[in-house]
Amino acid sequence: FVDEVSRDTPAPGGGSIAALAGALGAALASMVANLTQTGAPE
């Protein structure tokens, strides 16, 4: 994927990378929430 972004083509570009960044941020949030077995509604 990183290699594909680095090639001399206009896509994938910043929009795809922005989505990937958000997906990784959401994944980290899910990981921490699921690791903490307190049952808190939050």
PDB file of all heavy atoms in Angstrom:
ATOM      1  N   PHE A   1       0.837  -1.199   0.000  1.00  0.00           N
ATOM      2  CA  PHE A   1       0.000   0.000   0.000  1.00  0.00           C
ATOM      3  C   PHE A   1       0.877   1.257   0.000  1.00  0.00           C
ATOM      4  O   PHE A   1       0.666   2.198  -0.774  1.00  0.00           O
ATOM      5  CB  PHE A   1      -0.929  -0.047   1.215  1.00  0.00           C
ATOM      6  CG  PHE A   1      -1.913   1.106   1.299  1.00  0.00           C
ATOM      7  CD1 PHE A   1      -2.258   1.842   0.179  1.00  0.00           C
ATOM      8  CD2 PHE A   1      -2.499   1.432   2.500  1.00  0.00           C
ATOM      9  CE1 PHE A   1      -3.180   2.878   0.253  1.00  0.00           C
ATOM     10  CE2 PHE A   1      -3.408   2.475   2.600  1.00  0.00           C
ATOM     11  CZ  PHE A   1      -3.752   3.199   1.466  1.00  0.00           C
ATOM     12  N   VAL A   2       1.878   1.267   0.868  1.00  0.00           N
ATOM     13  CA  VAL A   2       2.782   2.423   0.927  1.00  0.00           C
ATOM     14  C   VAL A   2       3.485   2.611  -0.420  1.00  0.00           C
ATOM     15  O   VAL A   2       3.620   3.743  -0.914  1.00  0.00           O
ATOM     16  CB  VAL A   2       3.799   2.250   2.065  1.00  0.00           C
ATOM     17  CG1 VAL A   2       4.852   3.351   2.011  1.00  0.00           C
ATOM     18  CG2 VAL A   2       3.091   2.263   3.420  1.00  0.00           C
ATOM     19  N   ASP A   3       3.918   1.521  -1.021  1.00  0.00           N
ATOM     20  CA  ASP A   3       4.563   1.618  -2.334  1.00  0.00           C
ATOM     21  C   ASP A   3       3.597   2.189  -3.374  1.00  0.00           C
ATOM     22  O   ASP A   3       3.987   3.018  -4.206  1.00  0.00           O
ATOM     23  CB  ASP A   3       5.035   0.236  -2.795  1.00  0.00           C
ATOM     24  CG  ASP A   3       6.307  -0.215  -2.090  1.00  0.00           C
ATOM     25  OD1 ASP A   3       6.963   0.645  -1.459  1.00  0.00           O
ATOM     26  OD2 ASP A   3       6.631  -1.416  -2.155  1.00  0.00           O
ATOM     27  N   GLU A   4       2.347   1.754  -3.318  1.00  0.00           N
ATOM     28  CA  GLU A   4       1.359   2.223  -4.294  1.00  0.00           C
ATOM     29  C   GLU A   4       1.138   3.729  -4.165  1.00  0.00           C
ATOM     30  O   GLU A   4       1.040   4.440  -5.170  1.00  0.00           O
ATOM     31  CB  GLU A   4       0.031   1.479  -4.094  1.00  0.00           C
ATOM     32  CG  GLU A   4      -1.062   1.828  -5.086  1.00  0.00           C
ATOM     33  CD  GLU A   4      -0.737   1.413  -6.500  1.00  0.00           C
ATOM     34  OE1 GLU A   4       0.121   0.505  -6.693  1.00  0.00           O
ATOM     35  OE2 GLU A   4      -1.327   1.987  -7.438  1.00  0.00           O
ATOM     36  N   VAL A   5       1.098   4.214  -2.937  1.00  0.00           N
ATOM     37  CA  VAL A   5       0.936   5.653  -2.718  1.00  0.00           C
ATOM     38  C   VAL A   5       2.133   6.413  -3.270  1.00  0.00           C
ATOM     39  O   VAL A   5       1.996   7.519  -3.821  1.00  0.00           O
ATOM     40  CB  VAL A   5       0.756   5.953  -1.214  1.00  0.00           C
ATOM     41  CG1 VAL A   5       0.737   7.466  -0.958  1.00  0.00           C
ATOM     42  CG2 VAL A   5      -0.546   5.329  -0.694  1.00  0.00           C
ATOM     43  N   SER A   6       3.307   5.835  -3.159  1.00  0.00           N
ATOM     44  CA  SER A   6       4.538   6.542  -3.538  1.00  0.00           C
ATOM     45  C   SER A   6       4.764   6.617  -5.039  1.00  0.00           C
ATOM     46  O   SER A   6       5.657   7.328  -5.502  1.00  0.00           O
ATOM     47  CB  SER A   6       5.750   5.858  -2.884  1.00  0.00           C
ATOM     48  OG  SER A   6       6.027   4.613  -3.527  1.00  0.00           O
ATOM     49  N   ARG A   7       3.954   5.910  -5.849  1.00  0.00           N
ATOM     50  CA  ARG A   7       4.177   5.902  -7.299  1.00  0.00           C
ATOM     51  C   ARG A   7       3.720   7.204  -7.943  1.00  0.00           C
ATOM     52  O   ARG A   7       2.992   7.990  -7.355  1.00  0.00           O
ATOM     53  CB  ARG A   7       3.461   4.703  -7.925  1.00  0.00           C
ATOM     54  CG  ARG A   7       4.076   3.367  -7.515  1.00  0.00           C
ATOM     55  CD  ARG A   7       3.594   2.203  -8.363  1.00  0.00           C
ATOM     56  NE  ARG A   7       4.396   1.021  -8.070  1.00  0.00           N
ATOM     57  CZ  ARG A   7       4.023   0.027  -7.265  1.00  0.00           C
ATOM     58  NH1 ARG A   7       2.833   0.076  -6.680  1.00  0.00           N
ATOM     59  NH2 ARG A   7       4.818  -0.986  -7.045  1.00  0.00           N
ATOM     60  N   ASP A   8       4.106   7.387  -9.177  1.00  0.00           N
ATOM     61  CA  ASP A   8       3.813   8.636  -9.895  1.00  0.00           C
ATOM     62  C   ASP A   8       2.422   8.604 -10.536  1.00  0.00           C
ATOM     63  O   ASP A   8       2.244   8.803 -11.728  1.00  0.00           O
ATOM     64  CB  ASP A   8       4.889   8.903 -10.957  1.00  0.00           C
ATOM     65  CG  ASP A   8       5.016   7.755 -11.954  1.00  0.00           C
ATOM     66  OD1 ASP A   8       4.420   6.674 -11.707  1.00  0.00           O
ATOM     67  OD2 ASP A   8       5.689   7.938 -12.984  1.00  0.00           O
ATOM     68  N   THR A   9       1.441   8.328  -9.716  1.00  0.00           N
ATOM     69  CA  THR A   9       0.036   8.368 -10.143  1.00  0.00           C
ATOM     70  C   THR A   9      -0.721   9.236  -9.155  1.00  0.00           C
ATOM     71  O   THR A   9      -0.388   9.282  -7.969  1.00  0.00           O
ATOM     72  CB  THR A   9      -0.579   6.954 -10.161  1.00  0.00           C
ATOM     73  OG1 THR A   9      -0.417   6.348  -8.878  1.00  0.00           O
ATOM     74  CG2 THR A   9       0.085   6.082 -11.217  1.00  0.00           C
ATOM     75  N   PRO A  10      -1.794   9.945  -9.601  1.00  0.00           N
ATOM     76  CA  PRO A  10      -2.498  10.864  -8.699  1.00  0.00           C
ATOM     77  C   PRO A  10      -3.355  10.183  -7.640  1.00  0.00           C
ATOM     78  O   PRO A  10      -3.754  10.823  -6.661  1.00  0.00           O
ATOM     79  CB  PRO A  10      -3.364  11.691  -9.656  1.00  0.00           C
ATOM     80  CG  PRO A  10      -3.557  10.820 -10.845  1.00  0.00           C
ATOM     81  CD  PRO A  10      -2.294  10.025 -10.992  1.00  0.00           C
ATOM     82  N   ALA A  11      -3.665   8.920  -7.830  1.00  0.00           N
ATOM     83  CA  ALA A  11      -4.467   8.199  -6.840  1.00  0.00           C
ATOM     84  C   ALA A  11      -3.844   6.816  -6.623  1.00  0.00           C
ATOM     85  O   ALA A  11      -3.361   6.194  -7.576  1.00  0.00           O
ATOM     86  CB  ALA A  11      -5.904   8.049  -7.319  1.00  0.00           C
ATOM     87  N   PRO A  12      -3.838   6.345  -5.370  1.00  0.00           N
ATOM     88  CA  PRO A  12      -4.368   6.966  -4.153  1.00  0.00           C
ATOM     89  C   PRO A  12      -3.546   8.175  -3.710  1.00  0.00           C
ATOM     90  O   PRO A  12      -2.341   8.228  -3.924  1.00  0.00           O
ATOM     91  CB  PRO A  12      -4.291   5.848  -3.118  1.00  0.00           C
ATOM     92  CG  PRO A  12      -3.139   4.997  -3.590  1.00  0.00           C
ATOM     93  CD  PRO A  12      -3.223   5.024  -5.092  1.00  0.00           C
ATOM     94  N   GLY A  13      -4.284   9.115  -3.088  1.00  0.00           N
ATOM     95  CA  GLY A  13      -3.615  10.326  -2.627  1.00  0.00           C
ATOM     96  C   GLY A  13      -4.020  10.693  -1.216  1.00  0.00           C
ATOM     97  O   GLY A  13      -4.329   9.827  -0.396  1.00  0.00           O
ATOM     98  N   GLY A  14      -4.040  12.001  -0.962  1.00  0.00           N
ATOM     99  CA  GLY A  14      -4.270  12.488   0.395  1.00  0.00           C
ATOM    100  C   GLY A  14      -5.607  12.077   0.980  1.00  0.00           C
ATOM    101  O   GLY A  14      -5.714  11.856   2.191  1.00  0.00           O
ATOM    102  N   GLY A  15      -6.645  11.980   0.138  1.00  0.00           N
ATOM    103  CA  GLY A  15      -7.953  11.587   0.654  1.00  0.00           C
ATOM    104  C   GLY A  15      -7.951  10.179   1.214  1.00  0.00           C
ATOM    105  O   GLY A  15      -8.501   9.915   2.298  1.00  0.00           O
ATOM    106  N   SER A  16      -7.326   9.252   0.505  1.00  0.00           N
ATOM    107  CA  SER A  16      -7.243   7.871   0.979  1.00  0.00           C
ATOM    108  C   SER A  16      -6.398   7.781   2.254  1.00  0.00           C
ATOM    109  O   SER A  16      -6.724   7.030   3.181  1.00  0.00           O
ATOM    110  CB  SER A  16      -6.642   6.970  -0.107  1.00  0.00           C
ATOM    111  OG  SER A  16      -7.532   6.837  -1.192  1.00  0.00           O
ATOM    112  N   ILE A  17      -5.324   8.546   2.296  1.00  0.00           N
ATOM    113  CA  ILE A  17      -4.452   8.508   3.470  1.00  0.00           C
ATOM    114  C   ILE A  17      -5.153   9.131   4.673  1.00  0.00           C
ATOM    115  O   ILE A  17      -5.003   8.675   5.815  1.00  0.00           O
ATOM    116  CB  ILE A  17      -3.113   9.236   3.188  1.00  0.00           C
ATOM    117  CG1 ILE A  17      -2.402   8.567   2.001  1.00  0.00           C
ATOM    118  CG2 ILE A  17      -2.225   9.223   4.423  1.00  0.00           C
ATOM    119  CD1 ILE A  17      -2.233   7.070   2.136  1.00  0.00           C
ATOM    120  N   ALA A  18      -5.950  10.180   4.451  1.00  0.00           N
ATOM    121  CA  ALA A  18      -6.732  10.763   5.543  1.00  0.00           C
ATOM    122  C   ALA A  18      -7.686   9.727   6.123  1.00  0.00           C
ATOM    123  O   ALA A  18      -7.833   9.605   7.347  1.00  0.00           O
ATOM    124  CB  ALA A  18      -7.505  11.979   5.040  1.00  0.00           C
ATOM    125  N   ALA A  19      -8.341   8.958   5.247  1.00  0.00           N
ATOM    126  CA  ALA A  19      -9.266   7.914   5.713  1.00  0.00           C
ATOM    127  C   ALA A  19      -8.512   6.833   6.484  1.00  0.00           C
ATOM    128  O   ALA A  19      -8.984   6.343   7.529  1.00  0.00           O
ATOM    129  CB  ALA A  19     -10.008   7.310   4.527  1.00  0.00           C
ATOM    130  N   LEU A  20      -7.343   6.450   5.981  1.00  0.00           N
ATOM    131  CA  LEU A  20      -6.549   5.440   6.677  1.00  0.00           C
ATOM    132  C   LEU A  20      -6.122   5.939   8.052  1.00  0.00           C
ATOM    133  O   LEU A  20      -6.159   5.197   9.036  1.00  0.00           O
ATOM    134  CB  LEU A  20      -5.316   5.081   5.841  1.00  0.00           C
ATOM    135  CG  LEU A  20      -4.357   4.067   6.469  1.00  0.00           C
ATOM    136  CD1 LEU A  20      -5.056   2.738   6.737  1.00  0.00           C
ATOM    137  CD2 LEU A  20      -3.134   3.853   5.589  1.00  0.00           C
ATOM    138  N   ALA A  21      -5.718   7.221   8.143  1.00  0.00           N
ATOM    139  CA  ALA A  21      -5.319   7.784   9.433  1.00  0.00           C
ATOM    140  C   ALA A  21      -6.473   7.709  10.418  1.00  0.00           C
ATOM    141  O   ALA A  21      -6.302   7.293  11.578  1.00  0.00           O
ATOM    142  CB  ALA A  21      -4.866   9.234   9.246  1.00  0.00           C
ATOM    143  N   GLY A  22      -7.671   8.084   9.963  1.00  0.00           N
ATOM    144  CA  GLY A  22      -8.829   8.021  10.848  1.00  0.00           C
ATOM    145  C   GLY A  22      -9.155   6.602  11.268  1.00  0.00           C
ATOM    146  O   GLY A  22      -9.531   6.345  12.418  1.00  0.00           O
ATOM    147  N   ALA A  23      -9.022   5.653  10.340  1.00  0.00           N
ATOM    148  CA  ALA A  23      -9.303   4.253  10.653  1.00  0.00           C
ATOM    149  C   ALA A  23      -8.356   3.736  11.731  1.00  0.00           C
ATOM    150  O   ALA A  23      -8.765   3.012  12.651  1.00  0.00           O
ATOM    151  CB  ALA A  23      -9.194   3.407   9.390  1.00  0.00           C
ATOM    152  N   LEU A  24      -7.081   4.102  11.637  1.00  0.00           N
ATOM    153  CA  LEU A  24      -6.113   3.677  12.651  1.00  0.00           C
ATOM    154  C   LEU A  24      -6.411   4.328  14.005  1.00  0.00           C
ATOM    155  O   LEU A  24      -6.288   3.683  15.057  1.00  0.00           O
ATOM    156  CB  LEU A  24      -4.701   4.032  12.189  1.00  0.00           C
ATOM    157  CG  LEU A  24      -4.171   3.226  10.998  1.00  0.00           C
ATOM    158  CD1 LEU A  24      -2.865   3.818  10.475  1.00  0.00           C
ATOM    159  CD2 LEU A  24      -3.984   1.762  11.389  1.00  0.00           C
ATOM    160  N   GLY A  25      -6.811   5.604  13.984  1.00  0.00           N
ATOM    161  CA  GLY A  25      -7.184   6.259  15.239  1.00  0.00           C
ATOM    162  C   GLY A  25      -8.385   5.599  15.884  1.00  0.00           C
ATOM    163  O   GLY A  25      -8.417   5.382  17.101  1.00  0.00           O
ATOM    164  N   ALA A  26      -9.396   5.252  15.066  1.00  0.00           N
ATOM    165  CA  ALA A  26     -10.581   4.566  15.585  1.00  0.00           C
ATOM    166  C   ALA A  26     -10.210   3.186  16.123  1.00  0.00           C
ATOM    167  O   ALA A  26     -10.733   2.736  17.151  1.00  0.00           O
ATOM    168  CB  ALA A  26     -11.632   4.446  14.485  1.00  0.00           C
ATOM    169  N   ALA A  27      -9.297   2.495  15.433  1.00  0.00           N
ATOM    170  CA  ALA A  27      -8.882   1.160  15.875  1.00  0.00           C
ATOM    171  C   ALA A  27      -8.215   1.233  17.244  1.00  0.00           C
ATOM    172  O   ALA A  27      -8.446   0.366  18.113  1.00  0.00           O
ATOM    173  CB  ALA A  27      -7.937   0.544  14.847  1.00  0.00           C
ATOM    174  N   LEU A  28      -7.390   2.239  17.472  1.00  0.00           N
ATOM    175  CA  LEU A  28      -6.748   2.400  18.783  1.00  0.00           C
ATOM    176  C   LEU A  28      -7.784   2.685  19.868  1.00  0.00           C
ATOM    177  O   LEU A  28      -7.696   2.155  20.984  1.00  0.00           O
ATOM    178  CB  LEU A  28      -5.723   3.532  18.725  1.00  0.00           C
ATOM    179  CG  LEU A  28      -4.394   3.196  18.040  1.00  0.00           C
ATOM    180  CD1 LEU A  28      -3.598   4.478  17.788  1.00  0.00           C
ATOM    181  CD2 LEU A  28      -3.588   2.216  18.881  1.00  0.00           C
ATOM    182  N   ALA A  29      -8.781   3.511  19.547  1.00  0.00           N
ATOM    183  CA  ALA A  29      -9.842   3.790  20.522  1.00  0.00           C
ATOM    184  C   ALA A  29     -10.592   2.520  20.872  1.00  0.00           C
ATOM    185  O   ALA A  29     -10.887   2.252  22.049  1.00  0.00           O
ATOM    186  CB  ALA A  29     -10.802   4.832  19.944  1.00  0.00           C
ATOM    187  N   SER A  30     -10.906   1.709  19.870  1.00  0.00           N
ATOM    188  CA  SER A  30     -11.609   0.449  20.108  1.00  0.00           C
ATOM    189  C   SER A  30     -10.765  -0.503  20.955  1.00  0.00           C
ATOM    190  O   SER A  30     -11.262  -1.155  21.875  1.00  0.00           O
ATOM    191  CB  SER A  30     -11.949  -0.212  18.768  1.00  0.00           C
ATOM    192  OG  SER A  30     -12.534  -1.477  18.964  1.00  0.00           O
ATOM    193  N   MET A  31      -9.479  -0.567  20.641  1.00  0.00           N
ATOM    194  CA  MET A  31      -8.591  -1.459  21.383  1.00  0.00           C
ATOM    195  C   MET A  31      -8.610  -1.132  22.871  1.00  0.00           C
ATOM    196  O   MET A  31      -8.786  -2.018  23.717  1.00  0.00           O
ATOM    197  CB  MET A  31      -7.165  -1.335  20.849  1.00  0.00           C
ATOM    198  CG  MET A  31      -6.139  -2.184  21.587  1.00  0.00           C
ATOM    199  SD  MET A  31      -4.432  -1.738  21.170  1.00  0.00           S
ATOM    200  CE  MET A  31      -4.196  -0.284  22.194  1.00  0.00           C
ATOM    201  N   VAL A  32      -8.454   0.138  23.220  1.00  0.00           N
ATOM    202  CA  VAL A  32      -8.397   0.528  24.631  1.00  0.00           C
ATOM    203  C   VAL A  32      -9.742   0.291  25.312  1.00  0.00           C
ATOM    204  O   VAL A  32      -9.809  -0.220  26.431  1.00  0.00           O
ATOM    205  CB  VAL A  32      -7.969   2.004  24.766  1.00  0.00           C
ATOM    206  CG1 VAL A  32      -8.036   2.446  26.221  1.00  0.00           C
ATOM    207  CG2 VAL A  32      -6.546   2.178  24.231  1.00  0.00           C
ATOM    208  N   ALA A  33     -10.832   0.642  24.622  1.00  0.00           N
ATOM    209  CA  ALA A  33     -12.158   0.443  25.204  1.00  0.00           C
ATOM    210  C   ALA A  33     -12.420  -1.034  25.458  1.00  0.00           C
ATOM    211  O   ALA A  33     -12.982  -1.414  26.493  1.00  0.00           O
ATOM    212  CB  ALA A  33     -13.227   1.023  24.288  1.00  0.00           C
ATOM    213  N   ASN A  34     -12.016  -1.898  24.550  1.00  0.00           N
ATOM    214  CA  ASN A  34     -12.269  -3.331  24.704  1.00  0.00           C
ATOM    215  C   ASN A  34     -11.307  -3.992  25.687  1.00  0.00           C
ATOM    216  O   ASN A  34     -11.640  -5.021  26.286  1.00  0.00           O
ATOM    217  CB  ASN A  34     -12.187  -4.021  23.344  1.00  0.00           C
ATOM    218  CG  ASN A  34     -13.391  -3.727  22.470  1.00  0.00           C
ATOM    219  OD1 ASN A  34     -14.500  -3.571  22.967  1.00  0.00           O
ATOM    220  ND2 ASN A  34     -13.185  -3.644  21.167  1.00  0.00           N
ATOM    221  N   LEU A  35     -10.125  -3.432  25.845  1.00  0.00           N
ATOM    222  CA  LEU A  35      -9.170  -3.986  26.816  1.00  0.00           C
ATOM    223  C   LEU A  35      -9.607  -3.734  28.257  1.00  0.00           C
ATOM    224  O   LEU A  35      -9.283  -4.498  29.160  1.00  0.00           O
ATOM    225  CB  LEU A  35      -7.784  -3.377  26.598  1.00  0.00           C
ATOM    226  CG  LEU A  35      -6.902  -4.010  25.527  1.00  0.00           C
ATOM    227  CD1 LEU A  35      -5.657  -3.161  25.325  1.00  0.00           C
ATOM    228  CD2 LEU A  35      -6.526  -5.431  25.920  1.00  0.00           C
ATOM    229  N   THR A  36     -10.321  -2.626  28.472  1.00  0.00           N
ATOM    230  CA  THR A  36     -10.707  -2.244  29.833  1.00  0.00           C
ATOM    231  C   THR A  36     -12.024  -2.904  30.183  1.00  0.00           C
ATOM    232  O   THR A  36     -13.087  -2.455  29.783  1.00  0.00           O
ATOM    233  CB  THR A  36     -10.839  -0.711  29.951  1.00  0.00           C
ATOM    234  OG1 THR A  36      -9.666  -0.110  29.388  1.00  0.00           O
ATOM    235  CG2 THR A  36     -10.989  -0.297  31.399  1.00  0.00           C
ATOM    236  N   GLN A  37     -11.970  -3.999  30.904  1.00  0.00           N
ATOM    237  CA  GLN A  37     -13.163  -4.785  31.203  1.00  0.00           C
ATOM    238  C   GLN A  37     -13.865  -4.268  32.464  1.00  0.00           C
ATOM    239  O   GLN A  37     -13.996  -4.957  33.466  1.00  0.00           O
ATOM    240  CB  GLN A  37     -12.779  -6.259  31.378  1.00  0.00           C
ATOM    241  CG  GLN A  37     -12.171  -6.894  30.142  1.00  0.00           C
ATOM    242  CD  GLN A  37     -13.157  -7.016  28.995  1.00  0.00           C
ATOM    243  OE1 GLN A  37     -14.327  -7.250  29.216  1.00  0.00           O
ATOM    244  NE2 GLN A  37     -12.679  -6.840  27.776  1.00  0.00           N
ATOM    245  N   THR A  38     -14.360  -3.045  32.395  1.00  0.00           N
ATOM    246  CA  THR A  38     -15.070  -2.501  33.559  1.00  0.00           C
ATOM    247  C   THR A  38     -16.568  -2.493  33.362  1.00  0.00           C
ATOM    248  O   THR A  38     -17.327  -2.325  34.303  1.00  0.00           O
ATOM    249  CB  THR A  38     -14.629  -1.048  33.820  1.00  0.00           C
ATOM    250  OG1 THR A  38     -15.051  -0.236  32.715  1.00  0.00           O
ATOM    251  CG2 THR A  38     -13.134  -0.955  33.984  1.00  0.00           C
ATOM    252  N   GLY A  39     -17.005  -2.675  32.114  1.00  0.00           N
ATOM    253  CA  GLY A  39     -18.431  -2.635  31.842  1.00  0.00           C
ATOM    254  C   GLY A  39     -19.009  -1.240  31.880  1.00  0.00           C
ATOM    255  O   GLY A  39     -20.225  -1.056  31.866  1.00  0.00           O
ATOM    256  N   ALA A  40     -18.162  -0.214  31.961  1.00  0.00           N
ATOM    257  CA  ALA A  40     -18.655   1.159  32.008  1.00  0.00           C
ATOM    258  C   ALA A  40     -19.383   1.487  30.713  1.00  0.00           C
ATOM    259  O   ALA A  40     -18.900   1.163  29.632  1.00  0.00           O
ATOM    260  CB  ALA A  40     -17.488   2.123  32.205  1.00  0.00           C
ATOM    261  N   PRO A  41     -20.567   2.132  30.817  1.00  0.00           N
ATOM    262  CA  PRO A  41     -21.317   2.461  29.591  1.00  0.00           C
ATOM    263  C   PRO A  41     -20.533   3.357  28.652  1.00  0.00           C
ATOM    264  O   PRO A  41     -20.689   3.280  27.434  1.00  0.00           O
ATOM    265  CB  PRO A  41     -22.579   3.157  30.125  1.00  0.00           C
ATOM    266  CG  PRO A  41     -22.248   3.579  31.531  1.00  0.00           C
ATOM    267  CD  PRO A  41     -21.274   2.563  32.033  1.00  0.00           C
ATOM    268  N   GLU A  42     -19.674   4.222  29.204  1.00  0.00           N
ATOM    269  CA  GLU A  42     -18.873   5.092  28.349  1.00  0.00           C
ATOM    270  C   GLU A  42     -17.908   4.291  27.471  1.00  0.00           C
ATOM    271  O   GLU A  42     -17.649   4.649  26.324  1.00  0.00           O
ATOM    272  CB  GLU A  42     -18.081   6.091  29.199  1.00  0.00           C
ATOM    273  CG  GLU A  42     -18.930   7.106  29.945  1.00  0.00           C
ATOM    274  CD  GLU A  42     -19.416   6.570  31.290  1.00  0.00           C
ATOM    275  OE1 GLU A  42     -19.112   5.394  31.615  1.00  0.00           O
ATOM    276  OE2 GLU A  42     -20.090   7.328  32.004  1.00  0.00           O
TER     277      GLU A  42
END
